[in-house]
Amino acid sequence: MAIEQIHDIIDMDGVGVRRQGRWLLEGIRLHTRQGEHWALLGANGAGKTTLLQLCLGQLWATQGRISILGHTLGQYDVRELRKTIGFVSVQMDVRLDQEERAVNLVISGLAATHALWGESSEQERARAMELLSDLGVSAIADQSYGTLSQGERGKVLLARALMPGPQLLILDEPCAGLDFPSREHVLAALSRIAGAASPQILYVTHYPDEILPEITHVAVLKKGRLIAVGAKEDVLCDTVLSDAYGLPVRVSWMNSTPVVRAQR
């Protein structure tokens, strides 16, 4: 069940993370509101994973204040909070039960577990089947997860993340390792989801060309600091992305999607 509708989704004020004498993140100020969809960009080591861990309550900040879905971290049970956040990452592959049926893994998203424990209700199974059908993979519902293609796995993970009806859907490089057709199928599914009023999407990627037309805002990290935050059309420009990736790039636009090319 989705939590009560709120307006502020992610609110970070002066957030920093220091580990082993080094700042992984510093001076982070990020504020996202209901009705917006965000992308988070940055090169390897920029701090994207650390920022996601903060949003999921998997890591504690050294300084600053963090509020997720209206709950201040440190003052709310993060185990309950995680049940209201959808999370997709290809790194979850190794944690999930490879012998479990796809539909059961989707249902496991209700409790944010890596397999289905106990019996599921008819209503829960119907909801899981509806999600798989919406994503075009209802035919694989009773197949074991380990037998699925990468594209099918990606859609199962997405359905699993949507199962509890979250208000925040965090996508950590969901297209990593996918071939071109599988990537396009997953992006098309995400485009349909983003067209709805809820949940808010936080899409993390190395590749600006994966930023869907439905994405409204972008934050760009470099060496643990946000160097640009705002409306997509304002942030995704030659200057910002050249700085973020450390090489000269040229940004053009096609159907509200950025096309980024390195200048050789």
C-alpha atoms as a PDB file:
ATOM      1  CA  MET A   1       0.000   0.000   0.000  1.00  0.00           C
ATOM      2  CA  ALA A   2       1.354   3.421  -0.914  1.00  0.00           C
ATOM      3  CA  ILE A   3       2.029   5.859   1.869  1.00  0.00           C
ATOM      4  CA  GLU A   4       0.101   9.111   2.197  1.00  0.00           C
ATOM      5  CA  GLN A   5       0.589  11.532  -0.680  1.00  0.00           C
ATOM      6  CA  ILE A   6       3.115  14.251   0.086  1.00  0.00           C
ATOM      7  CA  HIS A   7       4.731  17.037  -1.903  1.00  0.00           C
ATOM      8  CA  ASP A   8       8.384  16.774  -0.905  1.00  0.00           C
ATOM      9  CA  ILE A   9      10.040  13.546  -2.026  1.00  0.00           C
ATOM     10  CA  ILE A  10      13.802  13.966  -1.459  1.00  0.00           C
ATOM     11  CA  ASP A  11      15.169  16.802   0.676  1.00  0.00           C
ATOM     12  CA  MET A  12      18.901  16.975   1.385  1.00  0.00           C
ATOM     13  CA  ASP A  13      20.401  20.005   3.063  1.00  0.00           C
ATOM     14  CA  GLY A  14      24.162  20.368   3.514  1.00  0.00           C
ATOM     15  CA  VAL A  15      24.704  16.611   3.367  1.00  0.00           C
ATOM     16  CA  GLY A  16      28.190  15.165   3.525  1.00  0.00           C
ATOM     17  CA  VAL A  17      29.591  11.649   3.833  1.00  0.00           C
ATOM     18  CA  ARG A  18      33.136  11.188   5.118  1.00  0.00           C
ATOM     19  CA  ARG A  19      34.792   7.795   5.280  1.00  0.00           C
ATOM     20  CA  GLN A  20      38.431   6.922   6.073  1.00  0.00           C
ATOM     21  CA  GLY A  21      39.450  10.567   6.025  1.00  0.00           C
ATOM     22  CA  ARG A  22      37.909  11.310   2.616  1.00  0.00           C
ATOM     23  CA  TRP A  23      34.705  13.101   1.661  1.00  0.00           C
ATOM     24  CA  LEU A  24      32.619  10.875  -0.612  1.00  0.00           C
ATOM     25  CA  LEU A  25      29.915  13.549  -0.758  1.00  0.00           C
ATOM     26  CA  GLU A  26      30.092  17.131   0.423  1.00  0.00           C
ATOM     27  CA  GLY A  27      27.704  20.075   0.563  1.00  0.00           C
ATOM     28  CA  ILE A  28      24.830  18.229  -1.124  1.00  0.00           C
ATOM     29  CA  ARG A  29      21.626  20.230  -1.466  1.00  0.00           C
ATOM     30  CA  LEU A  30      18.908  18.474  -3.412  1.00  0.00           C
ATOM     31  CA  HIS A  31      15.184  19.075  -3.257  1.00  0.00           C
ATOM     32  CA  THR A  32      12.692  17.150  -5.395  1.00  0.00           C
ATOM     33  CA  ARG A  33       8.939  17.535  -5.401  1.00  0.00           C
ATOM     34  CA  GLN A  34       5.971  15.410  -6.380  1.00  0.00           C
ATOM     35  CA  GLY A  35       5.248  15.612 -10.111  1.00  0.00           C
ATOM     36  CA  GLU A  36       8.946  15.789 -11.046  1.00  0.00           C
ATOM     37  CA  HIS A  37      11.112  13.011 -12.479  1.00  0.00           C
ATOM     38  CA  TRP A  38      14.864  13.240 -11.953  1.00  0.00           C
ATOM     39  CA  ALA A  39      18.026  11.856 -13.503  1.00  0.00           C
ATOM     40  CA  LEU A  40      21.329  11.690 -11.648  1.00  0.00           C
ATOM     41  CA  LEU A  41      24.449  11.809 -13.817  1.00  0.00           C
ATOM     42  CA  GLY A  42      28.155  11.570 -13.136  1.00  0.00           C
ATOM     43  CA  ALA A  43      31.304   9.738 -14.088  1.00  0.00           C
ATOM     44  CA  ASN A  44      32.594   6.710 -12.189  1.00  0.00           C
ATOM     45  CA  GLY A  45      33.501   7.701  -8.638  1.00  0.00           C
ATOM     46  CA  ALA A  46      31.360  10.847  -8.699  1.00  0.00           C
ATOM     47  CA  GLY A  47      29.306   9.700  -5.701  1.00  0.00           C
ATOM     48  CA  LYS A  48      26.103   8.443  -7.334  1.00  0.00           C
ATOM     49  CA  THR A  49      25.989   5.145  -5.433  1.00  0.00           C
ATOM     50  CA  THR A  50      26.695   6.881  -2.124  1.00  0.00           C
ATOM     51  CA  LEU A  51      23.824   9.296  -2.718  1.00  0.00           C
ATOM     52  CA  LEU A  52      21.477   6.406  -3.496  1.00  0.00           C
ATOM     53  CA  GLN A  53      22.522   4.597  -0.319  1.00  0.00           C
ATOM     54  CA  LEU A  54      21.556   7.706   1.636  1.00  0.00           C
ATOM     55  CA  CYS A  55      18.117   7.807  -0.010  1.00  0.00           C
ATOM     56  CA  LEU A  56      17.553   4.145   0.839  1.00  0.00           C
ATOM     57  CA  GLY A  57      18.718   4.475   4.433  1.00  0.00           C
ATOM     58  CA  GLN A  58      21.607   2.090   3.803  1.00  0.00           C
ATOM     59  CA  LEU A  59      24.221   4.674   4.776  1.00  0.00           C
ATOM     60  CA  TRP A  60      24.283   7.441   7.368  1.00  0.00           C
ATOM     61  CA  ALA A  61      25.464  10.923   6.512  1.00  0.00           C
ATOM     62  CA  THR A  62      28.360  12.467   8.420  1.00  0.00           C
ATOM     63  CA  GLN A  63      26.673  15.851   8.360  1.00  0.00           C
ATOM     64  CA  GLY A  64      23.518  17.545   7.130  1.00  0.00           C
ATOM     65  CA  ARG A  65      19.826  16.684   7.141  1.00  0.00           C
ATOM     66  CA  ILE A  66      17.984  14.175   4.933  1.00  0.00           C
ATOM     67  CA  SER A  67      14.234  13.776   4.572  1.00  0.00           C
ATOM     68  CA  ILE A  68      12.752  11.110   2.298  1.00  0.00           C
ATOM     69  CA  LEU A  69       9.010  11.042   1.597  1.00  0.00           C
ATOM     70  CA  GLY A  70       8.434  13.428   4.468  1.00  0.00           C
ATOM     71  CA  HIS A  71      10.398  11.385   7.022  1.00  0.00           C
ATOM     72  CA  THR A  72      13.621  12.707   8.523  1.00  0.00           C
ATOM     73  CA  LEU A  73      16.241   9.979   8.540  1.00  0.00           C
ATOM     74  CA  GLY A  74      17.354   9.183  12.058  1.00  0.00           C
ATOM     75  CA  GLN A  75      13.835   9.851  13.347  1.00  0.00           C
ATOM     76  CA  TYR A  76      11.986   7.131  11.423  1.00  0.00           C
ATOM     77  CA  ASP A  77      12.296   3.358  11.031  1.00  0.00           C
ATOM     78  CA  VAL A  78      14.236   2.940   7.778  1.00  0.00           C
ATOM     79  CA  ARG A  79      12.966  -0.650   7.464  1.00  0.00           C
ATOM     80  CA  GLU A  80       9.462   0.714   7.061  1.00  0.00           C
ATOM     81  CA  LEU A  81      10.662   3.471   4.744  1.00  0.00           C
ATOM     82  CA  ARG A  82      12.325   0.973   2.386  1.00  0.00           C
ATOM     83  CA  LYS A  83       9.010  -0.814   1.933  1.00  0.00           C
ATOM     84  CA  THR A  84       7.622   2.366   0.363  1.00  0.00           C
ATOM     85  CA  ILE A  85      10.540   2.930  -2.048  1.00  0.00           C
ATOM     86  CA  GLY A  86      10.862   0.944  -5.255  1.00  0.00           C
ATOM     87  CA  PHE A  87      14.469   0.076  -6.077  1.00  0.00           C
ATOM     88  CA  VAL A  88      15.885  -1.466  -9.244  1.00  0.00           C
ATOM     89  CA  SER A  89      19.544  -2.355  -9.733  1.00  0.00           C
ATOM     90  CA  VAL A  90      21.225  -5.020 -11.837  1.00  0.00           C
ATOM     91  CA  GLN A  91      23.376  -5.746  -8.782  1.00  0.00           C
ATOM     92  CA  MET A  92      20.289  -7.269  -7.166  1.00  0.00           C
ATOM     93  CA  ASP A  93      20.616 -10.231  -9.548  1.00  0.00           C
ATOM     94  CA  VAL A  94      23.063 -12.093  -7.325  1.00  0.00           C
ATOM     95  CA  ARG A  95      20.923 -11.597  -4.216  1.00  0.00           C
ATOM     96  CA  LEU A  96      17.658 -12.949  -5.598  1.00  0.00           C
ATOM     97  CA  ASP A  97      16.724 -16.625  -5.455  1.00  0.00           C
ATOM     98  CA  GLN A  98      17.498 -17.863  -8.965  1.00  0.00           C
ATOM     99  CA  GLU A  99      15.100 -20.817  -8.558  1.00  0.00           C
ATOM    100  CA  GLU A 100      12.153 -18.667  -7.477  1.00  0.00           C
ATOM    101  CA  ARG A 101       9.337 -18.119  -9.940  1.00  0.00           C
ATOM    102  CA  ALA A 102       9.196 -14.655 -11.489  1.00  0.00           C
ATOM    103  CA  VAL A 103       5.724 -13.902 -10.149  1.00  0.00           C
ATOM    104  CA  ASN A 104       6.813 -14.776  -6.601  1.00  0.00           C
ATOM    105  CA  LEU A 105       9.809 -12.454  -6.826  1.00  0.00           C
ATOM    106  CA  VAL A 106       7.466  -9.672  -7.894  1.00  0.00           C
ATOM    107  CA  ILE A 107       5.279 -10.337  -4.844  1.00  0.00           C
ATOM    108  CA  SER A 108       8.390 -10.303  -2.612  1.00  0.00           C
ATOM    109  CA  GLY A 109       8.668  -6.596  -3.370  1.00  0.00           C
ATOM    110  CA  LEU A 110       5.892  -5.989  -0.834  1.00  0.00           C
ATOM    111  CA  ALA A 111       8.253  -6.868   2.001  1.00  0.00           C
ATOM    112  CA  ALA A 112      11.480  -5.837   0.241  1.00  0.00           C
ATOM    113  CA  THR A 113      12.855  -9.372   0.637  1.00  0.00           C
ATOM    114  CA  HIS A 114      14.976 -11.386  -1.794  1.00  0.00           C
ATOM    115  CA  ALA A 115      12.478 -14.253  -2.053  1.00  0.00           C
ATOM    116  CA  LEU A 116       8.853 -14.911  -1.190  1.00  0.00           C
ATOM    117  CA  TRP A 117       8.400 -16.111   2.394  1.00  0.00           C
ATOM    118  CA  GLY A 118       5.085 -17.694   3.290  1.00  0.00           C
ATOM    119  CA  GLU A 119       1.891 -17.808   1.269  1.00  0.00           C
ATOM    120  CA  SER A 120       0.689 -14.986  -0.944  1.00  0.00           C
ATOM    121  CA  SER A 121      -2.923 -13.960  -1.301  1.00  0.00           C
ATOM    122  CA  GLU A 122      -4.955 -14.147  -4.504  1.00  0.00           C
ATOM    123  CA  GLN A 123      -5.070 -10.365  -4.496  1.00  0.00           C
ATOM    124  CA  GLU A 124      -1.277 -10.117  -4.294  1.00  0.00           C
ATOM    125  CA  ARG A 125      -0.807 -12.615  -7.109  1.00  0.00           C
ATOM    126  CA  ALA A 126      -3.353 -10.770  -9.251  1.00  0.00           C
ATOM    127  CA  ARG A 127      -1.491  -7.518  -8.659  1.00  0.00           C
ATOM    128  CA  ALA A 128       1.842  -9.130  -9.605  1.00  0.00           C
ATOM    129  CA  MET A 129       0.358 -10.622 -12.770  1.00  0.00           C
ATOM    130  CA  GLU A 130      -1.118  -7.242 -13.699  1.00  0.00           C
ATOM    131  CA  LEU A 131       2.303  -5.602 -13.407  1.00  0.00           C
ATOM    132  CA  LEU A 132       4.008  -8.310 -15.469  1.00  0.00           C
ATOM    133  CA  SER A 133       1.267  -7.986 -18.090  1.00  0.00           C
ATOM    134  CA  ASP A 134       1.677  -4.200 -18.226  1.00  0.00           C
ATOM    135  CA  LEU A 135       5.383  -4.771 -18.900  1.00  0.00           C
ATOM    136  CA  GLY A 136       4.662  -7.353 -21.582  1.00  0.00           C
ATOM    137  CA  VAL A 137       6.141 -10.389 -19.797  1.00  0.00           C
ATOM    138  CA  SER A 138       3.167 -12.165 -18.241  1.00  0.00           C
ATOM    139  CA  ALA A 139       4.113 -15.320 -20.172  1.00  0.00           C
ATOM    140  CA  ILE A 140       7.224 -15.814 -18.022  1.00  0.00           C
ATOM    141  CA  ALA A 141       5.411 -15.487 -14.685  1.00  0.00           C
ATOM    142  CA  ASP A 142       5.920 -19.128 -13.708  1.00  0.00           C
ATOM    143  CA  GLN A 143       9.467 -19.455 -15.027  1.00  0.00           C
ATOM    144  CA  SER A 144      12.364 -19.488 -12.582  1.00  0.00           C
ATOM    145  CA  TYR A 145      14.235 -16.216 -12.450  1.00  0.00           C
ATOM    146  CA  GLY A 146      17.553 -17.829 -13.375  1.00  0.00           C
ATOM    147  CA  THR A 147      16.196 -18.980 -16.753  1.00  0.00           C
ATOM    148  CA  LEU A 148      15.123 -15.507 -17.905  1.00  0.00           C
ATOM    149  CA  SER A 149      16.925 -13.277 -20.405  1.00  0.00           C
ATOM    150  CA  GLN A 150      18.534 -10.058 -19.179  1.00  0.00           C
ATOM    151  CA  GLY A 151      15.694  -8.014 -20.631  1.00  0.00           C
ATOM    152  CA  GLU A 152      13.080 -10.194 -18.930  1.00  0.00           C
ATOM    153  CA  ARG A 153      14.954  -9.977 -15.640  1.00  0.00           C
ATOM    154  CA  GLY A 154      14.985  -6.204 -15.909  1.00  0.00           C
ATOM    155  CA  LYS A 155      11.215  -6.133 -16.287  1.00  0.00           C
ATOM    156  CA  VAL A 156      10.711  -8.542 -13.376  1.00  0.00           C
ATOM    157  CA  LEU A 157      12.862  -6.285 -11.198  1.00  0.00           C
ATOM    158  CA  LEU A 158      10.816  -3.292 -12.319  1.00  0.00           C
ATOM    159  CA  ALA A 159       7.520  -5.043 -11.558  1.00  0.00           C
ATOM    160  CA  ARG A 160       8.905  -6.080  -8.156  1.00  0.00           C
ATOM    161  CA  ALA A 161       9.827  -2.468  -7.388  1.00  0.00           C
ATOM    162  CA  LEU A 162       6.325  -1.292  -8.346  1.00  0.00           C
ATOM    163  CA  MET A 163       4.527  -3.985  -6.332  1.00  0.00           C
ATOM    164  CA  PRO A 164       4.119  -1.958  -3.086  1.00  0.00           C
ATOM    165  CA  GLY A 165       2.863   1.117  -4.950  1.00  0.00           C
ATOM    166  CA  PRO A 166       5.834   3.355  -4.085  1.00  0.00           C
ATOM    167  CA  GLN A 167       5.952   7.117  -4.324  1.00  0.00           C
ATOM    168  CA  LEU A 168       9.673   7.009  -5.090  1.00  0.00           C
ATOM    169  CA  LEU A 169      11.184   4.673  -7.687  1.00  0.00           C
ATOM    170  CA  ILE A 170      14.992   4.580  -7.682  1.00  0.00           C
ATOM    171  CA  LEU A 171      16.560   3.111 -10.818  1.00  0.00           C
ATOM    172  CA  ASP A 172      20.274   2.427 -10.499  1.00  0.00           C
ATOM    173  CA  GLU A 173      21.574   1.925 -14.038  1.00  0.00           C
ATOM    174  CA  PRO A 174      18.678  -0.391 -14.955  1.00  0.00           C
ATOM    175  CA  CYS A 175      19.958  -0.822 -18.518  1.00  0.00           C
ATOM    176  CA  ALA A 176      23.497  -1.862 -17.582  1.00  0.00           C
ATOM    177  CA  GLY A 177      24.497  -5.037 -19.411  1.00  0.00           C
ATOM    178  CA  LEU A 178      21.443  -5.074 -21.685  1.00  0.00           C
ATOM    179  CA  ASP A 179      21.702  -5.493 -25.444  1.00  0.00           C
ATOM    180  CA  PHE A 180      20.121  -2.840 -27.671  1.00  0.00           C
ATOM    181  CA  PRO A 181      16.624  -4.412 -28.029  1.00  0.00           C
ATOM    182  CA  SER A 182      16.382  -5.225 -24.318  1.00  0.00           C
ATOM    183  CA  ARG A 183      17.511  -1.714 -23.423  1.00  0.00           C
ATOM    184  CA  GLU A 184      14.859  -0.163 -25.650  1.00  0.00           C
ATOM    185  CA  HIS A 185      12.133  -2.409 -24.218  1.00  0.00           C
ATOM    186  CA  VAL A 186      13.044  -1.436 -20.651  1.00  0.00           C
ATOM    187  CA  LEU A 187      13.221   2.269 -21.533  1.00  0.00           C
ATOM    188  CA  ALA A 188       9.820   2.059 -23.249  1.00  0.00           C
ATOM    189  CA  ALA A 189       8.354   0.483 -20.113  1.00  0.00           C
ATOM    190  CA  LEU A 190       9.879   3.203 -17.952  1.00  0.00           C
ATOM    191  CA  SER A 191       8.508   5.849 -20.270  1.00  0.00           C
ATOM    192  CA  ARG A 192       4.973   4.526 -19.705  1.00  0.00           C
ATOM    193  CA  ILE A 193       5.494   4.483 -15.942  1.00  0.00           C
ATOM    194  CA  ALA A 194       6.913   8.001 -15.938  1.00  0.00           C
ATOM    195  CA  GLY A 195       3.839   9.236 -17.768  1.00  0.00           C
ATOM    196  CA  ALA A 196       1.771   8.612 -14.647  1.00  0.00           C
ATOM    197  CA  ALA A 197       1.530  11.035 -11.731  1.00  0.00           C
ATOM    198  CA  SER A 198       3.249   8.637  -9.329  1.00  0.00           C
ATOM    199  CA  PRO A 199       5.822   7.409  -8.430  1.00  0.00           C
ATOM    200  CA  GLN A 200       8.564   9.969  -8.763  1.00  0.00           C
ATOM    201  CA  ILE A 201      11.517   8.505 -10.647  1.00  0.00           C
ATOM    202  CA  LEU A 202      15.170   8.985  -9.718  1.00  0.00           C
ATOM    203  CA  TYR A 203      17.077   7.541 -12.682  1.00  0.00           C
ATOM    204  CA  VAL A 204      20.808   7.014 -12.221  1.00  0.00           C
ATOM    205  CA  THR A 205      22.935   6.476 -15.298  1.00  0.00           C
ATOM    206  CA  HIS A 206      26.301   7.095 -16.906  1.00  0.00           C
ATOM    207  CA  TYR A 207      24.646   7.779 -20.248  1.00  0.00           C
ATOM    208  CA  PRO A 208      22.682  10.997 -20.882  1.00  0.00           C
ATOM    209  CA  ASP A 209      20.985   9.467 -23.938  1.00  0.00           C
ATOM    210  CA  GLU A 210      18.992   7.215 -21.564  1.00  0.00           C
ATOM    211  CA  ILE A 211      17.255  10.266 -20.119  1.00  0.00           C
ATOM    212  CA  LEU A 212      13.636   9.871 -21.174  1.00  0.00           C
ATOM    213  CA  PRO A 213      11.480  12.724 -22.474  1.00  0.00           C
ATOM    214  CA  GLU A 214       9.430  12.369 -19.275  1.00  0.00           C
ATOM    215  CA  ILE A 215      12.439  13.242 -17.094  1.00  0.00           C
ATOM    216  CA  THR A 216      11.980  16.851 -15.995  1.00  0.00           C
ATOM    217  CA  HIS A 217      15.046  17.587 -13.864  1.00  0.00           C
ATOM    218  CA  VAL A 218      18.699  16.562 -13.686  1.00  0.00           C
ATOM    219  CA  ALA A 219      21.395  16.640 -11.023  1.00  0.00           C
ATOM    220  CA  VAL A 220      25.041  16.227 -12.013  1.00  0.00           C
ATOM    221  CA  LEU A 221      27.704  14.979  -9.599  1.00  0.00           C
ATOM    222  CA  LYS A 222      31.458  15.448  -9.896  1.00  0.00           C
ATOM    223  CA  LYS A 223      33.914  14.269  -7.244  1.00  0.00           C
ATOM    224  CA  GLY A 224      31.259  14.190  -4.549  1.00  0.00           C
ATOM    225  CA  ARG A 225      29.729  17.590  -5.266  1.00  0.00           C
ATOM    226  CA  LEU A 226      26.678  18.638  -7.213  1.00  0.00           C
ATOM    227  CA  ILE A 227      27.893  20.899 -10.007  1.00  0.00           C
ATOM    228  CA  ALA A 228      24.488  21.482 -11.609  1.00  0.00           C
ATOM    229  CA  VAL A 229      20.890  20.962 -10.457  1.00  0.00           C
ATOM    230  CA  GLY A 230      17.709  22.026 -12.193  1.00  0.00           C
ATOM    231  CA  ALA A 231      15.431  21.715 -15.184  1.00  0.00           C
ATOM    232  CA  LYS A 232      16.661  19.200 -17.749  1.00  0.00           C
ATOM    233  CA  GLU A 233      17.038  21.683 -20.594  1.00  0.00           C
ATOM    234  CA  ASP A 234      19.108  24.041 -18.436  1.00  0.00           C
ATOM    235  CA  VAL A 235      21.467  21.444 -16.939  1.00  0.00           C
ATOM    236  CA  LEU A 236      22.200  19.276 -19.971  1.00  0.00           C
ATOM    237  CA  CYS A 237      24.473  21.592 -21.891  1.00  0.00           C
ATOM    238  CA  ASP A 238      27.951  21.404 -23.411  1.00  0.00           C
ATOM    239  CA  THR A 239      29.637  23.204 -20.514  1.00  0.00           C
ATOM    240  CA  VAL A 240      28.168  21.174 -17.652  1.00  0.00           C
ATOM    241  CA  LEU A 241      28.618  17.747 -19.232  1.00  0.00           C
ATOM    242  CA  SER A 242      32.114  18.515 -20.488  1.00  0.00           C
ATOM    243  CA  ASP A 243      33.059  19.443 -16.941  1.00  0.00           C
ATOM    244  CA  ALA A 244      31.338  16.375 -15.440  1.00  0.00           C
ATOM    245  CA  TYR A 245      32.948  13.844 -17.754  1.00  0.00           C
ATOM    246  CA  GLY A 246      36.312  15.522 -18.245  1.00  0.00           C
ATOM    247  CA  LEU A 247      36.194  15.686 -22.026  1.00  0.00           C
ATOM    248  CA  PRO A 248      34.658  18.098 -24.526  1.00  0.00           C
ATOM    249  CA  VAL A 249      31.145  17.079 -25.560  1.00  0.00           C
ATOM    250  CA  ARG A 250      28.406  18.554 -27.711  1.00  0.00           C
ATOM    251  CA  VAL A 251      24.753  18.285 -26.667  1.00  0.00           C
ATOM    252  CA  SER A 252      21.883  18.348 -29.144  1.00  0.00           C
ATOM    253  CA  TRP A 253      18.223  17.460 -28.675  1.00  0.00           C
ATOM    254  CA  MET A 254      15.850  15.063 -30.405  1.00  0.00           C
ATOM    255  CA  ASN A 255      12.262  14.608 -29.206  1.00  0.00           C
ATOM    256  CA  SER A 256      13.084  16.017 -25.738  1.00  0.00           C
ATOM    257  CA  THR A 257      15.940  13.531 -25.375  1.00  0.00           C
ATOM    258  CA  PRO A 258      19.581  14.706 -25.197  1.00  0.00           C
ATOM    259  CA  VAL A 259      22.047  13.412 -27.769  1.00  0.00           C
ATOM    260  CA  VAL A 260      25.591  13.709 -26.419  1.00  0.00           C
ATOM    261  CA  ARG A 261      28.665  13.284 -28.599  1.00  0.00           C
ATOM    262  CA  ALA A 262      32.330  13.564 -27.635  1.00  0.00           C
ATOM    263  CA  GLN A 263      34.269  16.115 -29.664  1.00  0.00           C
ATOM    264  CA  ARG A 264      37.226  14.374 -31.293  1.00  0.00           C
END
